[in-house]
Amino acid sequence: MSQFQPYLTRFEISEDEERDDGFLYGSGRGRAGSAPKRILQPQQFGMASRPPAGSVGMQMAMGGDHSTSLLIGAEHPTHRPKMGAGHTVLYDAYGQAVSIVETAVRIVANEEIRFVAPKIVLEGEVHLGGEGGKLVHRKDDIDSDGDAAVGSATKVYAL
């Protein structure tokens, strides 16, 4: 067994910086009042996160050498949503979230949700403005009096 074992300690981020090399580095408070600067915060490919100041994670000193530390697993406890066992939530520091909870996927935004694509297809029953509204008629649909609908939305199509 190697004499250079990794060393883990609690670390609180006070600031971070994205450097010219494209990596994210954090500075803050470590063990016994130490104040390490520019500790690499590696990110998983395809998923990036930039924890706010006050977030707590683990400083891992590679081979026990604090000059080669990594900052891993950082989170801010006041921003993490409450969730049950087996639930998954992707969230930010501003209250926005995408949650996968049992049989539902829920998207919460403070101002706007924007889907951008040349074509957007929604399958299933769709409720606009909330549940409990009236059915929407398509152009040329025949109503109960035998009249055909004349107007229609310009970019909304229904089968």
C-alpha atoms as a PDB file:
ATOM      1  CA  MET A   1       0.000   0.000   0.000  1.00  0.00           C
ATOM      2  CA  SER A   2       1.309   3.458  -0.919  1.00  0.00           C
ATOM      3  CA  GLN A   3       2.389   5.885   1.787  1.00  0.00           C
ATOM      4  CA  PHE A   4       0.664   8.687  -0.198  1.00  0.00           C
ATOM      5  CA  GLN A   5      -2.991   8.246   0.684  1.00  0.00           C
ATOM      6  CA  PRO A   6      -5.582  10.818  -0.447  1.00  0.00           C
ATOM      7  CA  TYR A   7      -6.716  13.139   2.316  1.00  0.00           C
ATOM      8  CA  LEU A   8     -10.318  14.410   2.537  1.00  0.00           C
ATOM      9  CA  THR A   9     -11.431  17.467   4.488  1.00  0.00           C
ATOM     10  CA  ARG A  10     -14.419  19.831   4.532  1.00  0.00           C
ATOM     11  CA  PHE A  11     -14.079  22.900   2.304  1.00  0.00           C
ATOM     12  CA  GLU A  12     -16.315  26.005   2.094  1.00  0.00           C
ATOM     13  CA  ILE A  13     -16.229  28.014  -1.143  1.00  0.00           C
ATOM     14  CA  SER A  14     -15.875  31.779  -0.764  1.00  0.00           C
ATOM     15  CA  GLU A  15     -15.277  32.491  -4.448  1.00  0.00           C
ATOM     16  CA  ASP A  16     -14.619  30.724  -7.700  1.00  0.00           C
ATOM     17  CA  GLU A  17     -13.062  31.545 -11.025  1.00  0.00           C
ATOM     18  CA  GLU A  18     -13.212  30.104 -14.515  1.00  0.00           C
ATOM     19  CA  ARG A  19      -9.688  30.399 -15.851  1.00  0.00           C
ATOM     20  CA  ASP A  20      -8.333  30.681 -19.393  1.00  0.00           C
ATOM     21  CA  ASP A  21      -7.629  26.942 -19.367  1.00  0.00           C
ATOM     22  CA  GLY A  22     -11.430  26.372 -19.299  1.00  0.00           C
ATOM     23  CA  PHE A  23     -11.475  24.850 -15.813  1.00  0.00           C
ATOM     24  CA  LEU A  24     -13.305  26.082 -12.711  1.00  0.00           C
ATOM     25  CA  TYR A  25     -11.258  26.792  -9.569  1.00  0.00           C
ATOM     26  CA  GLY A  26     -12.506  27.531  -6.055  1.00  0.00           C
ATOM     27  CA  SER A  27     -11.004  29.402  -3.134  1.00  0.00           C
ATOM     28  CA  GLY A  28     -12.216  29.360   0.443  1.00  0.00           C
ATOM     29  CA  ARG A  29     -11.752  27.849   3.889  1.00  0.00           C
ATOM     30  CA  GLY A  30     -10.322  24.410   4.465  1.00  0.00           C
ATOM     31  CA  ARG A  31      -9.045  22.488   7.457  1.00  0.00           C
ATOM     32  CA  ALA A  32      -7.849  24.215  10.634  1.00  0.00           C
ATOM     33  CA  GLY A  33      -8.538  27.685   9.232  1.00  0.00           C
ATOM     34  CA  SER A  34      -6.446  27.199   6.104  1.00  0.00           C
ATOM     35  CA  ALA A  35      -7.448  29.333   3.109  1.00  0.00           C
ATOM     36  CA  PRO A  36      -6.518  27.407  -0.044  1.00  0.00           C
ATOM     37  CA  LYS A  37      -6.751  29.272  -3.334  1.00  0.00           C
ATOM     38  CA  ARG A  38      -7.493  28.005  -6.836  1.00  0.00           C
ATOM     39  CA  ILE A  39      -8.466  24.408  -6.088  1.00  0.00           C
ATOM     40  CA  LEU A  40      -9.624  22.619  -9.231  1.00  0.00           C
ATOM     41  CA  GLN A  41     -13.368  21.781  -9.323  1.00  0.00           C
ATOM     42  CA  PRO A  42     -13.585  18.991 -11.943  1.00  0.00           C
ATOM     43  CA  GLN A  43     -16.917  18.624 -13.750  1.00  0.00           C
ATOM     44  CA  GLN A  44     -18.588  15.563 -15.221  1.00  0.00           C
ATOM     45  CA  PHE A  45     -18.758  15.721 -19.045  1.00  0.00           C
ATOM     46  CA  GLY A  46     -22.185  16.885 -20.255  1.00  0.00           C
ATOM     47  CA  MET A  47     -23.136  18.359 -16.874  1.00  0.00           C
ATOM     48  CA  ALA A  48     -21.672  21.498 -15.355  1.00  0.00           C
ATOM     49  CA  SER A  49     -22.418  23.202 -12.062  1.00  0.00           C
ATOM     50  CA  ARG A  50     -21.067  26.342 -10.450  1.00  0.00           C
ATOM     51  CA  PRO A  51     -21.970  26.287  -6.736  1.00  0.00           C
ATOM     52  CA  PRO A  52     -22.591  29.706  -5.131  1.00  0.00           C
ATOM     53  CA  ALA A  53     -20.381  31.169  -2.394  1.00  0.00           C
ATOM     54  CA  GLY A  54     -21.041  29.455   0.926  1.00  0.00           C
ATOM     55  CA  SER A  55     -21.333  26.024  -0.691  1.00  0.00           C
ATOM     56  CA  VAL A  56     -19.628  23.195   1.144  1.00  0.00           C
ATOM     57  CA  GLY A  57     -17.772  20.288  -0.424  1.00  0.00           C
ATOM     58  CA  MET A  58     -14.790  18.054   0.090  1.00  0.00           C
ATOM     59  CA  GLN A  59     -11.181  18.999  -0.571  1.00  0.00           C
ATOM     60  CA  MET A  60      -9.329  15.893  -1.694  1.00  0.00           C
ATOM     61  CA  ALA A  61      -5.549  16.198  -1.462  1.00  0.00           C
ATOM     62  CA  MET A  62      -4.180  13.785  -4.060  1.00  0.00           C
ATOM     63  CA  GLY A  63      -1.532  11.573  -2.493  1.00  0.00           C
ATOM     64  CA  GLY A  64      -1.849  13.645   0.686  1.00  0.00           C
ATOM     65  CA  ASP A  65      -0.277  16.662  -1.083  1.00  0.00           C
ATOM     66  CA  HIS A  66      -2.448  19.771  -0.544  1.00  0.00           C
ATOM     67  CA  SER A  67      -0.860  21.522  -3.532  1.00  0.00           C
ATOM     68  CA  THR A  68      -2.618  18.981  -5.816  1.00  0.00           C
ATOM     69  CA  SER A  69      -6.115  19.212  -4.329  1.00  0.00           C
ATOM     70  CA  LEU A  70      -9.495  18.761  -5.991  1.00  0.00           C
ATOM     71  CA  LEU A  71     -12.814  20.190  -4.781  1.00  0.00           C
ATOM     72  CA  ILE A  72     -15.615  17.627  -5.112  1.00  0.00           C
ATOM     73  CA  GLY A  73     -19.260  17.238  -4.149  1.00  0.00           C
ATOM     74  CA  ALA A  74     -20.027  20.907  -3.407  1.00  0.00           C
ATOM     75  CA  GLU A  75     -23.578  21.909  -2.522  1.00  0.00           C
ATOM     76  CA  HIS A  76     -25.314  24.767  -0.720  1.00  0.00           C
ATOM     77  CA  PRO A  77     -27.722  23.381   1.884  1.00  0.00           C
ATOM     78  CA  THR A  78     -30.172  26.313   1.738  1.00  0.00           C
ATOM     79  CA  HIS A  79     -30.633  25.897  -2.039  1.00  0.00           C
ATOM     80  CA  ARG A  80     -31.057  22.107  -2.163  1.00  0.00           C
ATOM     81  CA  PRO A  81     -34.760  21.261  -2.538  1.00  0.00           C
ATOM     82  CA  LYS A  82     -36.508  18.867  -0.182  1.00  0.00           C
ATOM     83  CA  MET A  83     -37.045  15.524  -1.854  1.00  0.00           C
ATOM     84  CA  GLY A  84     -37.894  11.957  -1.044  1.00  0.00           C
ATOM     85  CA  ALA A  85     -35.815   8.827  -1.433  1.00  0.00           C
ATOM     86  CA  GLY A  86     -35.349   7.900  -5.082  1.00  0.00           C
ATOM     87  CA  HIS A  87     -36.217  11.386  -6.400  1.00  0.00           C
ATOM     88  CA  THR A  88     -33.909  13.412  -8.659  1.00  0.00           C
ATOM     89  CA  VAL A  89     -33.837  17.205  -8.950  1.00  0.00           C
ATOM     90  CA  LEU A  90     -31.686  19.382 -11.199  1.00  0.00           C
ATOM     91  CA  TYR A  91     -31.782  22.862  -9.642  1.00  0.00           C
ATOM     92  CA  ASP A  92     -30.049  26.220  -9.450  1.00  0.00           C
ATOM     93  CA  ALA A  93     -29.583  28.907  -6.792  1.00  0.00           C
ATOM     94  CA  TYR A  94     -32.625  30.861  -8.047  1.00  0.00           C
ATOM     95  CA  GLY A  95     -35.435  28.376  -7.326  1.00  0.00           C
ATOM     96  CA  GLN A  96     -35.671  26.885 -10.816  1.00  0.00           C
ATOM     97  CA  ALA A  97     -35.799  23.109 -11.053  1.00  0.00           C
ATOM     98  CA  VAL A  98     -36.415  20.052 -13.189  1.00  0.00           C
ATOM     99  CA  SER A  99     -37.575  17.188 -11.005  1.00  0.00           C
ATOM    100  CA  ILE A 100     -38.152  13.513 -11.695  1.00  0.00           C
ATOM    101  CA  VAL A 101     -40.463  12.335  -8.936  1.00  0.00           C
ATOM    102  CA  GLU A 102     -42.075   8.895  -9.023  1.00  0.00           C
ATOM    103  CA  THR A 103     -44.438   9.134 -12.055  1.00  0.00           C
ATOM    104  CA  ALA A 104     -43.984  12.809 -12.991  1.00  0.00           C
ATOM    105  CA  VAL A 105     -41.404  15.117 -14.533  1.00  0.00           C
ATOM    106  CA  ARG A 106     -41.868  18.719 -13.444  1.00  0.00           C
ATOM    107  CA  ILE A 107     -40.181  21.886 -14.707  1.00  0.00           C
ATOM    108  CA  VAL A 108     -40.336  25.013 -12.528  1.00  0.00           C
ATOM    109  CA  ALA A 109     -39.132  28.393 -13.811  1.00  0.00           C
ATOM    110  CA  ASN A 110     -39.360  31.878 -12.340  1.00  0.00           C
ATOM    111  CA  GLU A 111     -40.214  33.634 -15.603  1.00  0.00           C
ATOM    112  CA  GLU A 112     -40.176  31.550 -18.766  1.00  0.00           C
ATOM    113  CA  ILE A 113     -39.672  28.092 -20.216  1.00  0.00           C
ATOM    114  CA  ARG A 114     -38.505  28.163 -23.803  1.00  0.00           C
ATOM    115  CA  PHE A 115     -38.364  25.159 -26.128  1.00  0.00           C
ATOM    116  CA  VAL A 116     -36.421  26.014 -29.270  1.00  0.00           C
ATOM    117  CA  ALA A 117     -36.590  23.686 -32.275  1.00  0.00           C
ATOM    118  CA  PRO A 118     -37.938  23.776 -35.835  1.00  0.00           C
ATOM    119  CA  LYS A 119     -40.715  21.403 -34.722  1.00  0.00           C
ATOM    120  CA  ILE A 120     -42.042  20.628 -31.230  1.00  0.00           C
ATOM    121  CA  VAL A 121     -44.268  17.575 -30.752  1.00  0.00           C
ATOM    122  CA  LEU A 122     -46.327  17.059 -27.584  1.00  0.00           C
ATOM    123  CA  GLU A 123     -47.980  13.674 -27.193  1.00  0.00           C
ATOM    124  CA  GLY A 124     -50.812  13.107 -24.735  1.00  0.00           C
ATOM    125  CA  GLU A 125     -53.523  15.353 -23.338  1.00  0.00           C
ATOM    126  CA  VAL A 126     -52.344  18.988 -23.252  1.00  0.00           C
ATOM    127  CA  HIS A 127     -53.790  21.637 -20.930  1.00  0.00           C
ATOM    128  CA  LEU A 128     -52.900  25.274 -21.677  1.00  0.00           C
ATOM    129  CA  GLY A 129     -53.148  27.771 -18.818  1.00  0.00           C
ATOM    130  CA  GLY A 130     -53.913  25.054 -16.239  1.00  0.00           C
ATOM    131  CA  GLU A 131     -56.339  22.160 -15.906  1.00  0.00           C
ATOM    132  CA  GLY A 132     -60.096  22.528 -16.251  1.00  0.00           C
ATOM    133  CA  GLY A 133     -60.274  24.616 -19.438  1.00  0.00           C
ATOM    134  CA  LYS A 134     -62.442  24.011 -22.479  1.00  0.00           C
ATOM    135  CA  LEU A 135     -61.436  21.938 -25.473  1.00  0.00           C
ATOM    136  CA  VAL A 136     -59.824  23.952 -28.268  1.00  0.00           C
ATOM    137  CA  HIS A 137     -61.361  23.688 -31.755  1.00  0.00           C
ATOM    138  CA  ARG A 138     -59.331  23.389 -34.911  1.00  0.00           C
ATOM    139  CA  LYS A 139     -60.091  25.365 -38.060  1.00  0.00           C
ATOM    140  CA  ASP A 140     -62.890  23.628 -40.027  1.00  0.00           C
ATOM    141  CA  ASP A 141     -64.058  21.618 -36.957  1.00  0.00           C
ATOM    142  CA  ILE A 142     -67.852  21.318 -36.958  1.00  0.00           C
ATOM    143  CA  ASP A 143     -69.584  22.405 -33.748  1.00  0.00           C
ATOM    144  CA  SER A 144     -72.856  21.038 -32.317  1.00  0.00           C
ATOM    145  CA  ASP A 145     -74.882  23.522 -34.422  1.00  0.00           C
ATOM    146  CA  GLY A 146     -73.232  22.274 -37.639  1.00  0.00           C
ATOM    147  CA  ASP A 147     -71.113  25.410 -38.070  1.00  0.00           C
ATOM    148  CA  ALA A 148     -67.448  25.136 -39.124  1.00  0.00           C
ATOM    149  CA  ALA A 149     -64.791  26.974 -37.101  1.00  0.00           C
ATOM    150  CA  VAL A 150     -63.273  29.726 -39.239  1.00  0.00           C
ATOM    151  CA  GLY A 151     -60.257  31.050 -37.309  1.00  0.00           C
ATOM    152  CA  SER A 152     -57.295  29.111 -36.004  1.00  0.00           C
ATOM    153  CA  ALA A 153     -53.916  29.603 -34.416  1.00  0.00           C
ATOM    154  CA  THR A 154     -51.134  30.166 -36.941  1.00  0.00           C
ATOM    155  CA  LYS A 155     -48.505  27.840 -35.410  1.00  0.00           C
ATOM    156  CA  VAL A 156     -50.518  25.320 -33.365  1.00  0.00           C
ATOM    157  CA  TYR A 157     -51.644  22.106 -35.034  1.00  0.00           C
ATOM    158  CA  ALA A 158     -53.786  19.292 -33.627  1.00  0.00           C
ATOM    159  CA  LEU A 159     -54.826  15.859 -34.927  1.00  0.00           C
END
